[in-house]
């Protein structure tokens, strides 16, 4: 299942990187067969997406975190973990799209 999630999330990221190149600064920090880590930035938000196996992390495969640059550093960021057992790829992509919509509203 991890390999399917990794492939689907990478495709989602690269497709949206092209689609929103004029609105979002999207760049990859690490992309290999075990980890995909990328950042998505707007004028207001700094976000990261991490897809990895659950080695000592509070999520199963997918983490999406958003920081608001207008708030204090000790803020509790909005986040989503794609970690429910049996969660479908469609559900994971749907939730990533919700996070992207949140960023685009800035």
PDB file of N, CA and C in Angstrom:
ATOM      1  N   UNK A   1       0.820  -1.201   0.000  1.00  0.00           N
ATOM      2  CA  UNK A   1       0.000   0.000   0.000  1.00  0.00           C
ATOM      3  C   UNK A   1       0.860   1.261   0.000  1.00  0.00           C
ATOM      4  N   UNK A   2       1.977   1.255   0.743  1.00  0.00           N
ATOM      5  CA  UNK A   2       2.818   2.451   0.814  1.00  0.00           C
ATOM      6  C   UNK A   2       3.263   2.909  -0.567  1.00  0.00           C
ATOM      7  N   UNK A   3       3.693   1.991  -1.412  1.00  0.00           N
ATOM      8  CA  UNK A   3       4.179   2.357  -2.741  1.00  0.00           C
ATOM      9  C   UNK A   3       3.087   3.030  -3.561  1.00  0.00           C
ATOM     10  N   UNK A   4       1.849   2.567  -3.427  1.00  0.00           N
ATOM     11  CA  UNK A   4       0.723   3.182  -4.145  1.00  0.00           C
ATOM     12  C   UNK A   4       0.452   4.588  -3.635  1.00  0.00           C
ATOM     13  N   UNK A   5       0.487   4.766  -2.320  1.00  0.00           N
ATOM     14  CA  UNK A   5       0.277   6.085  -1.728  1.00  0.00           C
ATOM     15  C   UNK A   5       1.386   7.032  -2.165  1.00  0.00           C
ATOM     16  N   UNK A   6       2.621   6.574  -2.101  1.00  0.00           N
ATOM     17  CA  UNK A   6       3.763   7.394  -2.505  1.00  0.00           C
ATOM     18  C   UNK A   6       3.622   7.844  -3.956  1.00  0.00           C
ATOM     19  N   UNK A   7       3.321   6.927  -4.861  1.00  0.00           N
ATOM     20  CA  UNK A   7       3.176   7.255  -6.283  1.00  0.00           C
ATOM     21  C   UNK A   7       2.025   8.228  -6.516  1.00  0.00           C
ATOM     22  N   UNK A   8       0.885   8.006  -5.872  1.00  0.00           N
ATOM     23  CA  UNK A   8      -0.278   8.878  -6.060  1.00  0.00           C
ATOM     24  C   UNK A   8      -0.014  10.287  -5.530  1.00  0.00           C
ATOM     25  N   UNK A   9       0.641  10.389  -4.381  1.00  0.00           N
ATOM     26  CA  UNK A   9       0.924  11.697  -3.795  1.00  0.00           C
ATOM     27  C   UNK A   9       1.974  12.461  -4.601  1.00  0.00           C
ATOM     28  N   UNK A  10       2.960  11.758  -5.111  1.00  0.00           N
ATOM     29  CA  UNK A  10       3.953  12.409  -5.978  1.00  0.00           C
ATOM     30  C   UNK A  10       3.280  12.961  -7.230  1.00  0.00           C
ATOM     31  N   UNK A  11       2.427  12.166  -7.841  1.00  0.00           N
ATOM     32  CA  UNK A  11       1.706  12.609  -9.034  1.00  0.00           C
ATOM     33  C   UNK A  11       0.862  13.827  -8.696  1.00  0.00           C
ATOM     34  N   UNK A  12       0.148  13.773  -7.570  1.00  0.00           N
ATOM     35  CA  UNK A  12      -0.668  14.909  -7.130  1.00  0.00           C
ATOM     36  C   UNK A  12       0.201  16.160  -7.004  1.00  0.00           C
ATOM     37  N   UNK A  13       1.354  16.032  -6.359  1.00  0.00           N
ATOM     38  CA  UNK A  13       2.219  17.178  -6.145  1.00  0.00           C
ATOM     39  C   UNK A  13       2.729  17.743  -7.475  1.00  0.00           C
ATOM     40  N   UNK A  14       3.304  16.903  -8.310  1.00  0.00           N
ATOM     41  CA  UNK A  14       3.886  17.387  -9.559  1.00  0.00           C
ATOM     42  C   UNK A  14       2.827  17.954 -10.502  1.00  0.00           C
ATOM     43  N   UNK A  15       1.636  17.366 -10.527  1.00  0.00           N
ATOM     44  CA  UNK A  15       0.549  17.916 -11.341  1.00  0.00           C
ATOM     45  C   UNK A  15       0.158  19.307 -10.855  1.00  0.00           C
ATOM     46  N   UNK A  16       0.021  19.475  -9.552  1.00  0.00           N
ATOM     47  CA  UNK A  16      -0.363  20.765  -8.981  1.00  0.00           C
ATOM     48  C   UNK A  16       0.766  21.782  -9.050  1.00  0.00           C
ATOM     49  N   UNK A  17       1.999  21.313  -9.025  1.00  0.00           N
ATOM     50  CA  UNK A  17       3.131  22.220  -9.158  1.00  0.00           C
ATOM     51  C   UNK A  17       3.060  22.935 -10.506  1.00  0.00           C
ATOM     52  N   UNK A  18       2.718  22.217 -11.549  1.00  0.00           N
ATOM     53  CA  UNK A  18       2.568  22.824 -12.867  1.00  0.00           C
ATOM     54  C   UNK A  18       1.310  23.679 -12.936  1.00  0.00           C
ATOM     55  N   UNK A  19       0.207  23.160 -12.423  1.00  0.00           N
ATOM     56  CA  UNK A  19      -1.081  23.839 -12.509  1.00  0.00           C
ATOM     57  C   UNK A  19      -1.082  25.181 -11.774  1.00  0.00           C
ATOM     58  N   UNK A  20      -0.427  25.252 -10.626  1.00  0.00           N
ATOM     59  CA  UNK A  20      -0.456  26.460  -9.792  1.00  0.00           C
ATOM     60  C   UNK A  20       0.894  27.168  -9.722  1.00  0.00           C
ATOM     61  N   UNK A  21       1.712  27.024 -10.734  1.00  0.00           N
ATOM     62  CA  UNK A  21       3.052  27.627 -10.708  1.00  0.00           C
ATOM     63  C   UNK A  21       3.007  29.143 -10.561  1.00  0.00           C
ATOM     64  N   UNK A  22       1.910  29.767 -10.966  1.00  0.00           N
ATOM     65  CA  UNK A  22       1.781  31.219 -10.852  1.00  0.00           C
ATOM     66  C   UNK A  22       1.260  31.664  -9.482  1.00  0.00           C
ATOM     67  N   UNK A  23       0.756  30.729  -8.665  1.00  0.00           N
ATOM     68  CA  UNK A  23       0.160  31.093  -7.383  1.00  0.00           C
ATOM     69  C   UNK A  23       0.891  30.524  -6.173  1.00  0.00           C
ATOM     70  N   UNK A  24       1.595  29.418  -6.379  1.00  0.00           N
ATOM     71  CA  UNK A  24       2.256  28.732  -5.268  1.00  0.00           C
ATOM     72  C   UNK A  24       3.710  28.456  -5.589  1.00  0.00           C
ATOM     73  N   UNK A  25       4.557  28.568  -4.584  1.00  0.00           N
ATOM     74  CA  UNK A  25       5.944  28.157  -4.717  1.00  0.00           C
ATOM     75  C   UNK A  25       6.028  26.745  -4.160  1.00  0.00           C
ATOM     76  N   UNK A  26       6.168  25.774  -5.049  1.00  0.00           N
ATOM     77  CA  UNK A  26       6.180  24.362  -4.648  1.00  0.00           C
ATOM     78  C   UNK A  26       7.527  23.771  -5.024  1.00  0.00           C
ATOM     79  N   UNK A  27       8.228  23.234  -4.029  1.00  0.00           N
ATOM     80  CA  UNK A  27       9.535  22.651  -4.322  1.00  0.00           C
ATOM     81  C   UNK A  27       9.771  21.394  -3.494  1.00  0.00           C
ATOM     82  N   UNK A  28      10.514  20.494  -4.067  1.00  0.00           N
ATOM     83  CA  UNK A  28      10.784  19.195  -3.463  1.00  0.00           C
ATOM     84  C   UNK A  28      12.119  19.236  -2.725  1.00  0.00           C
ATOM     85  N   UNK A  29      12.122  18.712  -1.523  1.00  0.00           N
ATOM     86  CA  UNK A  29      13.343  18.601  -0.735  1.00  0.00           C
ATOM     87  C   UNK A  29      13.953  17.211  -0.862  1.00  0.00           C
ATOM     88  N   UNK A  30      13.079  16.186  -0.895  1.00  0.00           N
ATOM     89  CA  UNK A  30      13.568  14.811  -1.034  1.00  0.00           C
ATOM     90  C   UNK A  30      12.542  13.997  -1.800  1.00  0.00           C
ATOM     91  N   UNK A  31      13.032  13.240  -2.776  1.00  0.00           N
ATOM     92  CA  UNK A  31      12.151  12.401  -3.590  1.00  0.00           C
ATOM     93  C   UNK A  31      12.904  11.126  -3.945  1.00  0.00           C
ATOM     94  N   UNK A  32      12.592  10.052  -3.211  1.00  0.00           N
ATOM     95  CA  UNK A  32      13.179   8.758  -3.531  1.00  0.00           C
ATOM     96  C   UNK A  32      12.147   7.666  -3.272  1.00  0.00           C
ATOM     97  N   UNK A  33      12.557   6.436  -3.253  1.00  0.00           N
ATOM     98  CA  UNK A  33      11.610   5.326  -3.127  1.00  0.00           C
ATOM     99  C   UNK A  33      11.070   5.136  -1.707  1.00  0.00           C
ATOM    100  N   UNK A  34      11.635   5.848  -0.738  1.00  0.00           N
ATOM    101  CA  UNK A  34      11.203   5.689   0.646  1.00  0.00           C
ATOM    102  C   UNK A  34      10.562   6.935   1.237  1.00  0.00           C
ATOM    103  N   UNK A  35      10.907   8.107   0.702  1.00  0.00           N
ATOM    104  CA  UNK A  35      10.423   9.373   1.269  1.00  0.00           C
ATOM    105  C   UNK A  35      10.187  10.387   0.161  1.00  0.00           C
ATOM    106  N   UNK A  36       9.083  11.104   0.305  1.00  0.00           N
ATOM    107  CA  UNK A  36       8.838  12.278  -0.527  1.00  0.00           C
ATOM    108  C   UNK A  36       8.547  13.417   0.433  1.00  0.00           C
ATOM    109  N   UNK A  37       9.361  14.466   0.365  1.00  0.00           N
ATOM    110  CA  UNK A  37       9.175  15.630   1.233  1.00  0.00           C
ATOM    111  C   UNK A  37       9.217  16.876   0.370  1.00  0.00           C
ATOM    112  N   UNK A  38       8.183  17.704   0.500  1.00  0.00           N
ATOM    113  CA  UNK A  38       8.105  18.907  -0.325  1.00  0.00           C
ATOM    114  C   UNK A  38       7.481  20.042   0.483  1.00  0.00           C
ATOM    115  N   UNK A  39       7.697  21.252   0.003  1.00  0.00           N
ATOM    116  CA  UNK A  39       7.141  22.449   0.618  1.00  0.00           C
ATOM    117  C   UNK A  39       6.240  23.156  -0.378  1.00  0.00           C
ATOM    118  N   UNK A  40       5.219  23.781   0.158  1.00  0.00           N
ATOM    119  CA  UNK A  40       4.310  24.598  -0.634  1.00  0.00           C
ATOM    120  C   UNK A  40       4.182  25.925   0.107  1.00  0.00           C
ATOM    121  N   UNK A  41       4.487  27.026  -0.582  1.00  0.00           N
ATOM    122  CA  UNK A  41       4.486  28.331   0.067  1.00  0.00           C
ATOM    123  C   UNK A  41       3.600  29.316  -0.671  1.00  0.00           C
ATOM    124  N   UNK A  42       2.975  30.193   0.120  1.00  0.00           N
ATOM    125  CA  UNK A  42       2.262  31.344  -0.409  1.00  0.00           C
ATOM    126  C   UNK A  42       2.846  32.561   0.296  1.00  0.00           C
ATOM    127  N   UNK A  43       2.263  33.726   0.067  1.00  0.00           N
ATOM    128  CA  UNK A  43       2.716  34.917   0.779  1.00  0.00           C
ATOM    129  C   UNK A  43       2.418  34.831   2.272  1.00  0.00           C
ATOM    130  N   UNK A  44       1.457  33.991   2.638  1.00  0.00           N
ATOM    131  CA  UNK A  44       1.001  33.895   4.021  1.00  0.00           C
ATOM    132  C   UNK A  44       1.370  32.564   4.675  1.00  0.00           C
ATOM    133  N   UNK A  45       1.272  31.478   3.938  1.00  0.00           N
ATOM    134  CA  UNK A  45       1.427  30.151   4.515  1.00  0.00           C
ATOM    135  C   UNK A  45       2.713  29.457   4.077  1.00  0.00           C
ATOM    136  N   UNK A  46       3.259  28.698   5.016  1.00  0.00           N
ATOM    137  CA  UNK A  46       4.369  27.792   4.750  1.00  0.00           C
ATOM    138  C   UNK A  46       3.845  26.404   5.077  1.00  0.00           C
ATOM    139  N   UNK A  47       3.903  25.500   4.126  1.00  0.00           N
ATOM    140  CA  UNK A  47       3.379  24.169   4.392  1.00  0.00           C
ATOM    141  C   UNK A  47       4.371  23.116   3.919  1.00  0.00           C
ATOM    142  N   UNK A  48       4.185  21.927   4.456  1.00  0.00           N
ATOM    143  CA  UNK A  48       5.018  20.815   4.025  1.00  0.00           C
ATOM    144  C   UNK A  48       4.146  19.575   3.900  1.00  0.00           C
ATOM    145  N   UNK A  49       4.569  18.737   2.988  1.00  0.00           N
ATOM    146  CA  UNK A  49       3.925  17.438   2.809  1.00  0.00           C
ATOM    147  C   UNK A  49       5.031  16.395   2.880  1.00  0.00           C
ATOM    148  N   UNK A  50       4.772  15.364   3.669  1.00  0.00           N
ATOM    149  CA  UNK A  50       5.732  14.283   3.818  1.00  0.00           C
ATOM    150  C   UNK A  50       5.006  12.960   3.633  1.00  0.00           C
ATOM    151  N   UNK A  51       5.518  12.146   2.739  1.00  0.00           N
ATOM    152  CA  UNK A  51       5.001  10.798   2.534  1.00  0.00           C
ATOM    153  C   UNK A  51       6.150   9.857   2.849  1.00  0.00           C
ATOM    154  N   UNK A  52       5.945   9.021   3.847  1.00  0.00           N
ATOM    155  CA  UNK A  52       6.991   8.086   4.238  1.00  0.00           C
ATOM    156  C   UNK A  52       6.368   6.930   4.998  1.00  0.00           C
ATOM    157  N   UNK A  53       7.160   5.905   5.203  1.00  0.00           N
ATOM    158  CA  UNK A  53       6.698   4.791   6.016  1.00  0.00           C
ATOM    159  C   UNK A  53       6.648   5.246   7.473  1.00  0.00           C
ATOM    160  N   UNK A  54       5.864   4.591   8.305  1.00  0.00           N
ATOM    161  CA  UNK A  54       5.571   5.126   9.639  1.00  0.00           C
ATOM    162  C   UNK A  54       6.652   4.939  10.699  1.00  0.00           C
ATOM    163  N   UNK A  55       7.881   4.861  10.320  1.00  0.00           N
ATOM    164  CA  UNK A  55       8.969   4.667  11.290  1.00  0.00           C
ATOM    165  C   UNK A  55       9.030   5.816  12.293  1.00  0.00           C
ATOM    166  N   UNK A  56       8.513   5.574  13.485  1.00  0.00           N
ATOM    167  CA  UNK A  56       8.596   6.518  14.599  1.00  0.00           C
ATOM    168  C   UNK A  56       7.955   7.866  14.303  1.00  0.00           C
ATOM    169  N   UNK A  57       6.884   7.865  13.565  1.00  0.00           N
ATOM    170  CA  UNK A  57       6.163   9.098  13.283  1.00  0.00           C
ATOM    171  C   UNK A  57       4.734   8.936  13.790  1.00  0.00           C
ATOM    172  N   UNK A  58       4.062  10.068  14.012  1.00  0.00           N
ATOM    173  CA  UNK A  58       2.678   9.960  14.510  1.00  0.00           C
ATOM    174  C   UNK A  58       1.647   9.702  13.408  1.00  0.00           C
ATOM    175  N   UNK A  59       2.079   9.475  12.201  1.00  0.00           N
ATOM    176  CA  UNK A  59       1.169   9.222  11.094  1.00  0.00           C
ATOM    177  C   UNK A  59       1.572   7.946  10.378  1.00  0.00           C
ATOM    178  N   UNK A  60       0.661   7.446   9.576  1.00  0.00           N
ATOM    179  CA  UNK A  60       0.945   6.203   8.872  1.00  0.00           C
ATOM    180  C   UNK A  60       1.760   6.451   7.615  1.00  0.00           C
ATOM    181  N   UNK A  61       1.269   7.257   6.698  1.00  0.00           N
ATOM    182  CA  UNK A  61       1.990   7.501   5.447  1.00  0.00           C
ATOM    183  C   UNK A  61       2.114   8.983   5.092  1.00  0.00           C
ATOM    184  N   UNK A  62       1.069   9.763   5.306  1.00  0.00           N
ATOM    185  CA  UNK A  62       1.018  11.130   4.769  1.00  0.00           C
ATOM    186  C   UNK A  62       0.812  12.140   5.886  1.00  0.00           C
ATOM    187  N   UNK A  63       1.635  13.201   5.839  1.00  0.00           N
ATOM    188  CA  UNK A  63       1.497  14.321   6.768  1.00  0.00           C
ATOM    189  C   UNK A  63       1.457  15.603   5.947  1.00  0.00           C
ATOM    190  N   UNK A  64       0.502  16.468   6.251  1.00  0.00           N
ATOM    191  CA  UNK A  64       0.387  17.772   5.595  1.00  0.00           C
ATOM    192  C   UNK A  64       0.224  18.801   6.706  1.00  0.00           C
ATOM    193  N   UNK A  65       1.175  19.730   6.817  1.00  0.00           N
ATOM    194  CA  UNK A  65       1.190  20.721   7.892  1.00  0.00           C
ATOM    195  C   UNK A  65       1.266  22.112   7.285  1.00  0.00           C
ATOM    196  N   UNK A  66       0.524  23.058   7.882  1.00  0.00           N
ATOM    197  CA  UNK A  66       0.501  24.435   7.394  1.00  0.00           C
ATOM    198  C   UNK A  66       0.823  25.375   8.552  1.00  0.00           C
ATOM    199  N   UNK A  67       1.761  26.286   8.324  1.00  0.00           N
ATOM    200  CA  UNK A  67       2.065  27.338   9.289  1.00  0.00           C
ATOM    201  C   UNK A  67       1.629  28.674   8.702  1.00  0.00           C
ATOM    202  N   UNK A  68       1.055  29.511   9.541  1.00  0.00           N
ATOM    203  CA  UNK A  68       0.605  30.838   9.134  1.00  0.00           C
ATOM    204  C   UNK A  68       1.682  31.841   9.553  1.00  0.00           C
ATOM    205  N   UNK A  69       2.289  32.514   8.593  1.00  0.00           N
ATOM    206  CA  UNK A  69       3.399  33.429   8.893  1.00  0.00           C
ATOM    207  C   UNK A  69       2.945  34.664   9.664  1.00  0.00           C
ATOM    208  N   UNK A  70       1.646  34.884   9.749  1.00  0.00           N
ATOM    209  CA  UNK A  70       1.123  36.044  10.487  1.00  0.00           C
ATOM    210  C   UNK A  70       0.974  35.751  11.977  1.00  0.00           C
ATOM    211  N   UNK A  71       1.141  34.496  12.354  1.00  0.00           N
ATOM    212  CA  UNK A  71       0.940  34.106  13.753  1.00  0.00           C
ATOM    213  C   UNK A  71       2.266  33.878  14.452  1.00  0.00           C
ATOM    214  N   UNK A  72       2.185  33.746  15.768  1.00  0.00           N
ATOM    215  CA  UNK A  72       3.363  33.499  16.585  1.00  0.00           C
ATOM    216  C   UNK A  72       4.013  32.160  16.233  1.00  0.00           C
ATOM    217  N   UNK A  73       5.285  32.035  16.533  1.00  0.00           N
ATOM    218  CA  UNK A  73       6.011  30.810  16.234  1.00  0.00           C
ATOM    219  C   UNK A  73       5.492  29.607  17.014  1.00  0.00           C
ATOM    220  N   UNK A  74       4.901  29.826  18.167  1.00  0.00           N
ATOM    221  CA  UNK A  74       4.425  28.714  18.985  1.00  0.00           C
ATOM    222  C   UNK A  74       2.989  28.295  18.628  1.00  0.00           C
ATOM    223  N   UNK A  75       2.537  28.662  17.446  1.00  0.00           N
ATOM    224  CA  UNK A  75       1.182  28.320  17.006  1.00  0.00           C
ATOM    225  C   UNK A  75       1.002  26.815  16.872  1.00  0.00           C
ATOM    226  N   UNK A  76      -0.223  26.382  17.008  1.00  0.00           N
ATOM    227  CA  UNK A  76      -0.570  25.001  16.707  1.00  0.00           C
ATOM    228  C   UNK A  76      -1.053  24.989  15.267  1.00  0.00           C
ATOM    229  N   UNK A  77      -0.270  24.386  14.381  1.00  0.00           N
ATOM    230  CA  UNK A  77      -0.620  24.467  12.957  1.00  0.00           C
ATOM    231  C   UNK A  77      -1.759  23.525  12.588  1.00  0.00           C
ATOM    232  N   UNK A  78      -2.534  23.914  11.570  1.00  0.00           N
ATOM    233  CA  UNK A  78      -3.487  22.940  11.032  1.00  0.00           C
ATOM    234  C   UNK A  78      -2.692  21.818  10.368  1.00  0.00           C
ATOM    235  N   UNK A  79      -3.151  20.609  10.520  1.00  0.00           N
ATOM    236  CA  UNK A  79      -2.447  19.497   9.907  1.00  0.00           C
ATOM    237  C   UNK A  79      -3.428  18.393   9.580  1.00  0.00           C
ATOM    238  N   UNK A  80      -2.984  17.499   8.741  1.00  0.00           N
ATOM    239  CA  UNK A  80      -3.762  16.312   8.415  1.00  0.00           C
ATOM    240  C   UNK A  80      -2.795  15.152   8.278  1.00  0.00           C
ATOM    241  N   UNK A  81      -3.127  14.062   8.936  1.00  0.00           N
ATOM    242  CA  UNK A  81      -2.353  12.833   8.816  1.00  0.00           C
ATOM    243  C   UNK A  81      -3.181  11.819   8.034  1.00  0.00           C
ATOM    244  N   UNK A  82      -2.618  11.291   6.965  1.00  0.00           N
ATOM    245  CA  UNK A  82      -3.293  10.245   6.196  1.00  0.00           C
ATOM    246  C   UNK A  82      -2.938   8.895   6.774  1.00  0.00           C
ATOM    247  N   UNK A  83      -3.453   8.642   7.975  1.00  0.00           N
ATOM    248  CA  UNK A  83      -2.942   7.472   8.678  1.00  0.00           C
ATOM    249  C   UNK A  83      -4.004   6.463   9.083  1.00  0.00           C
ATOM    250  N   UNK A  84      -5.193   6.595   8.593  1.00  0.00           N
ATOM    251  CA  UNK A  84      -6.204   5.623   8.992  1.00  0.00           C
ATOM    252  C   UNK A  84      -6.043   4.326   8.214  1.00  0.00           C
ATOM    253  N   UNK A  85      -6.096   3.243   8.920  1.00  0.00           N
ATOM    254  CA  UNK A  85      -5.989   1.924   8.287  1.00  0.00           C
ATOM    255  C   UNK A  85      -7.087   1.786   7.240  1.00  0.00           C
ATOM    256  N   UNK A  86      -6.716   1.376   6.054  1.00  0.00           N
ATOM    257  CA  UNK A  86      -7.696   1.147   4.994  1.00  0.00           C
ATOM    258  C   UNK A  86      -8.152   2.394   4.271  1.00  0.00           C
ATOM    259  N   UNK A  87      -7.555   3.542   4.540  1.00  0.00           N
ATOM    260  CA  UNK A  87      -7.957   4.765   3.848  1.00  0.00           C
ATOM    261  C   UNK A  87      -7.639   4.630   2.356  1.00  0.00           C
ATOM    262  N   UNK A  88      -8.559   5.034   1.521  1.00  0.00           N
ATOM    263  CA  UNK A  88      -8.385   4.879   0.078  1.00  0.00           C
ATOM    264  C   UNK A  88      -7.488   5.966  -0.490  1.00  0.00           C
ATOM    265  N   UNK A  89      -6.912   5.691  -1.645  1.00  0.00           N
ATOM    266  CA  UNK A  89      -6.109   6.700  -2.343  1.00  0.00           C
ATOM    267  C   UNK A  89      -6.966   7.913  -2.681  1.00  0.00           C
ATOM    268  N   UNK A  90      -8.215   7.683  -3.058  1.00  0.00           N
ATOM    269  CA  UNK A  90      -9.116   8.785  -3.392  1.00  0.00           C
ATOM    270  C   UNK A  90      -9.327   9.694  -2.181  1.00  0.00           C
ATOM    271  N   UNK A  91      -9.453   9.113  -1.015  1.00  0.00           N
ATOM    272  CA  UNK A  91      -9.630   9.892   0.204  1.00  0.00           C
ATOM    273  C   UNK A  91      -8.374  10.697   0.531  1.00  0.00           C
ATOM    274  N   UNK A  92      -7.224  10.094   0.361  1.00  0.00           N
ATOM    275  CA  UNK A  92      -5.962  10.796   0.607  1.00  0.00           C
ATOM    276  C   UNK A  92      -5.832  11.992  -0.331  1.00  0.00           C
ATOM    277  N   UNK A  93      -6.075  11.790  -1.612  1.00  0.00           N
ATOM    278  CA  UNK A  93      -5.972  12.883  -2.589  1.00  0.00           C
ATOM    279  C   UNK A  93      -7.027  13.945  -2.308  1.00  0.00           C
ATOM    280  N   UNK A  94      -8.228  13.537  -1.931  1.00  0.00           N
ATOM    281  CA  UNK A  94      -9.284  14.498  -1.586  1.00  0.00           C
ATOM    282  C   UNK A  94      -8.826  15.405  -0.447  1.00  0.00           C
ATOM    283  N   UNK A  95      -8.221  14.825   0.583  1.00  0.00           N
ATOM    284  CA  UNK A  95      -7.744  15.614   1.711  1.00  0.00           C
ATOM    285  C   UNK A  95      -6.566  16.516   1.334  1.00  0.00           C
ATOM    286  N   UNK A  96      -5.687  16.038   0.477  1.00  0.00           N
ATOM    287  CA  UNK A  96      -4.602  16.898  -0.004  1.00  0.00           C
ATOM    288  C   UNK A  96      -5.173  18.070  -0.795  1.00  0.00           C
ATOM    289  N   UNK A  97      -6.206  17.822  -1.582  1.00  0.00           N
ATOM    290  CA  UNK A  97      -6.855  18.905  -2.330  1.00  0.00           C
ATOM    291  C   UNK A  97      -7.493  19.926  -1.398  1.00  0.00           C
ATOM    292  N   UNK A  98      -8.068  19.466  -0.299  1.00  0.00           N
ATOM    293  CA  UNK A  98      -8.627  20.397   0.690  1.00  0.00           C
ATOM    294  C   UNK A  98      -7.525  21.279   1.282  1.00  0.00           C
ATOM    295  N   UNK A  99      -6.373  20.689   1.560  1.00  0.00           N
ATOM    296  CA  UNK A  99      -5.240  21.474   2.050  1.00  0.00           C
ATOM    297  C   UNK A  99      -4.771  22.486   1.027  1.00  0.00           C
ATOM    298  N   UNK A 100      -4.739  22.093  -0.224  1.00  0.00           N
ATOM    299  CA  UNK A 100      -4.334  22.995  -1.297  1.00  0.00           C
ATOM    300  C   UNK A 100      -5.331  24.144  -1.442  1.00  0.00           C
ATOM    301  N   UNK A 101      -6.602  23.844  -1.361  1.00  0.00           N
ATOM    302  CA  UNK A 101      -7.643  24.893  -1.422  1.00  0.00           C
ATOM    303  C   UNK A 101      -7.459  25.884  -0.290  1.00  0.00           C
ATOM    304  N   UNK A 102      -7.132  25.390   0.899  1.00  0.00           N
ATOM    305  CA  UNK A 102      -6.870  26.264   2.053  1.00  0.00           C
ATOM    306  C   UNK A 102      -5.732  27.232   1.741  1.00  0.00           C
ATOM    307  N   UNK A 103      -4.656  26.722   1.154  1.00  0.00           N
ATOM    308  CA  UNK A 103      -3.509  27.569   0.809  1.00  0.00           C
ATOM    309  C   UNK A 103      -3.865  28.601  -0.248  1.00  0.00           C
ATOM    310  N   UNK A 104      -4.655  28.217  -1.203  1.00  0.00           N
ATOM    311  CA  UNK A 104      -5.004  29.105  -2.322  1.00  0.00           C
ATOM    312  C   UNK A 104      -5.951  30.229  -1.908  1.00  0.00           C
ATOM    313  N   UNK A 105      -6.620  30.092  -0.769  1.00  0.00           N
ATOM    314  CA  UNK A 105      -7.534  31.136  -0.299  1.00  0.00           C
ATOM    315  C   UNK A 105      -6.786  32.301   0.313  1.00  0.00           C
ATOM    316  N   UNK A 106      -5.501  32.180   0.537  1.00  0.00           N
ATOM    317  CA  UNK A 106      -4.713  33.237   1.204  1.00  0.00           C
ATOM    318  C   UNK A 106      -4.693  34.506   0.389  1.00  0.00           C
TER     319      UNK A 106
END
